[in-house]
């Protein structure tokens, strides 16, 4: 990331940690043989969170390259 405010970086780190938690929960659900609809919902939630994280990172980094 660029030289943006430390709060921006901290927010992105927390977001990435939440994504990691969602993926860990997914692994647990698979190991516990949870029903497919529950697993699919968790996959979609994790994917949405990853997409959101990417958007956040682009917002932080892109101005550095455009400026």
C-alpha atoms as a PDB file:
ATOM      1  CA  UNK A   1       0.000   0.000   0.000  1.00  0.00           C
ATOM      2  CA  UNK A   2       1.082   3.582  -0.371  1.00  0.00           C
ATOM      3  CA  UNK A   3       1.877   6.282   2.122  1.00  0.00           C
ATOM      4  CA  UNK A   4      -1.765   6.727   3.130  1.00  0.00           C
ATOM      5  CA  UNK A   5      -2.820   7.249   6.730  1.00  0.00           C
ATOM      6  CA  UNK A   6      -1.989   4.459   9.181  1.00  0.00           C
ATOM      7  CA  UNK A   7      -5.716   4.212   9.947  1.00  0.00           C
ATOM      8  CA  UNK A   8      -6.342   3.185   6.327  1.00  0.00           C
ATOM      9  CA  UNK A   9      -3.705   0.485   6.593  1.00  0.00           C
ATOM     10  CA  UNK A  10      -5.077  -0.711   9.942  1.00  0.00           C
ATOM     11  CA  UNK A  11      -8.588  -0.914   8.519  1.00  0.00           C
ATOM     12  CA  UNK A  12      -7.329  -2.980   5.582  1.00  0.00           C
ATOM     13  CA  UNK A  13      -5.440  -5.306   7.935  1.00  0.00           C
ATOM     14  CA  UNK A  14      -8.560  -5.810  10.076  1.00  0.00           C
ATOM     15  CA  UNK A  15     -10.579  -6.472   6.929  1.00  0.00           C
ATOM     16  CA  UNK A  16      -8.051  -9.086   5.791  1.00  0.00           C
ATOM     17  CA  UNK A  17      -8.193 -10.714   9.229  1.00  0.00           C
ATOM     18  CA  UNK A  18     -11.972 -10.943   8.988  1.00  0.00           C
ATOM     19  CA  UNK A  19     -11.627 -12.601   5.581  1.00  0.00           C
ATOM     20  CA  UNK A  20      -9.207 -15.073   7.134  1.00  0.00           C
ATOM     21  CA  UNK A  21     -11.760 -15.828   9.837  1.00  0.00           C
ATOM     22  CA  UNK A  22     -14.435 -16.446   7.242  1.00  0.00           C
ATOM     23  CA  UNK A  23     -12.176 -18.850   5.352  1.00  0.00           C
ATOM     24  CA  UNK A  24     -11.230 -20.634   8.585  1.00  0.00           C
ATOM     25  CA  UNK A  25     -14.926 -21.000   9.382  1.00  0.00           C
ATOM     26  CA  UNK A  26     -15.444 -22.438   5.919  1.00  0.00           C
ATOM     27  CA  UNK A  27     -12.757 -25.053   6.524  1.00  0.00           C
ATOM     28  CA  UNK A  28     -14.447 -25.971   9.793  1.00  0.00           C
ATOM     29  CA  UNK A  29     -17.795 -26.276   8.084  1.00  0.00           C
ATOM     30  CA  UNK A  30     -16.329 -28.606   5.472  1.00  0.00           C
ATOM     31  CA  UNK A  31     -14.654 -30.729   8.142  1.00  0.00           C
ATOM     32  CA  UNK A  32     -17.934 -30.908  10.077  1.00  0.00           C
ATOM     33  CA  UNK A  33     -19.812 -31.997   6.936  1.00  0.00           C
ATOM     34  CA  UNK A  34     -22.261 -29.097   7.140  1.00  0.00           C
ATOM     35  CA  UNK A  35     -25.086 -28.985   4.589  1.00  0.00           C
ATOM     36  CA  UNK A  36     -24.215 -27.655   1.146  1.00  0.00           C
ATOM     37  CA  UNK A  37     -26.437 -24.532   1.351  1.00  0.00           C
ATOM     38  CA  UNK A  38     -24.609 -23.405   4.519  1.00  0.00           C
ATOM     39  CA  UNK A  39     -21.213 -23.996   2.925  1.00  0.00           C
ATOM     40  CA  UNK A  40     -22.227 -22.196  -0.258  1.00  0.00           C
ATOM     41  CA  UNK A  41     -23.480 -19.234   1.764  1.00  0.00           C
ATOM     42  CA  UNK A  42     -20.156 -19.043   3.621  1.00  0.00           C
ATOM     43  CA  UNK A  43     -18.196 -19.265   0.345  1.00  0.00           C
ATOM     44  CA  UNK A  44     -20.234 -16.395  -1.087  1.00  0.00           C
ATOM     45  CA  UNK A  45     -19.761 -14.322   2.065  1.00  0.00           C
ATOM     46  CA  UNK A  46     -15.992 -14.863   2.017  1.00  0.00           C
ATOM     47  CA  UNK A  47     -15.840 -14.066  -1.682  1.00  0.00           C
ATOM     48  CA  UNK A  48     -17.834 -10.881  -1.172  1.00  0.00           C
ATOM     49  CA  UNK A  49     -15.511  -9.861   1.619  1.00  0.00           C
ATOM     50  CA  UNK A  50     -12.465 -10.509  -0.575  1.00  0.00           C
ATOM     51  CA  UNK A  51     -14.004  -8.421  -3.363  1.00  0.00           C
ATOM     52  CA  UNK A  52     -14.645  -5.635  -0.877  1.00  0.00           C
ATOM     53  CA  UNK A  53     -11.063  -5.838   0.397  1.00  0.00           C
ATOM     54  CA  UNK A  54      -9.754  -5.572  -3.156  1.00  0.00           C
ATOM     55  CA  UNK A  55     -11.872  -2.473  -3.702  1.00  0.00           C
ATOM     56  CA  UNK A  56     -10.499  -0.953  -0.508  1.00  0.00           C
ATOM     57  CA  UNK A  57      -6.923  -1.679  -1.567  1.00  0.00           C
ATOM     58  CA  UNK A  58      -7.488  -0.191  -5.016  1.00  0.00           C
ATOM     59  CA  UNK A  59      -8.875   2.979  -3.425  1.00  0.00           C
ATOM     60  CA  UNK A  60      -5.733   3.295  -1.290  1.00  0.00           C
ATOM     61  CA  UNK A  61      -3.124   2.405  -3.876  1.00  0.00           C
ATOM     62  CA  UNK A  62      -4.505   3.747  -7.148  1.00  0.00           C
ATOM     63  CA  UNK A  63      -4.063   7.453  -6.313  1.00  0.00           C
ATOM     64  CA  UNK A  64      -0.366   6.756  -5.760  1.00  0.00           C
ATOM     65  CA  UNK A  65       0.005   5.551  -9.347  1.00  0.00           C
ATOM     66  CA  UNK A  66      -2.243   8.173 -10.915  1.00  0.00           C
ATOM     67  CA  UNK A  67      -0.681  11.175  -9.173  1.00  0.00           C
END
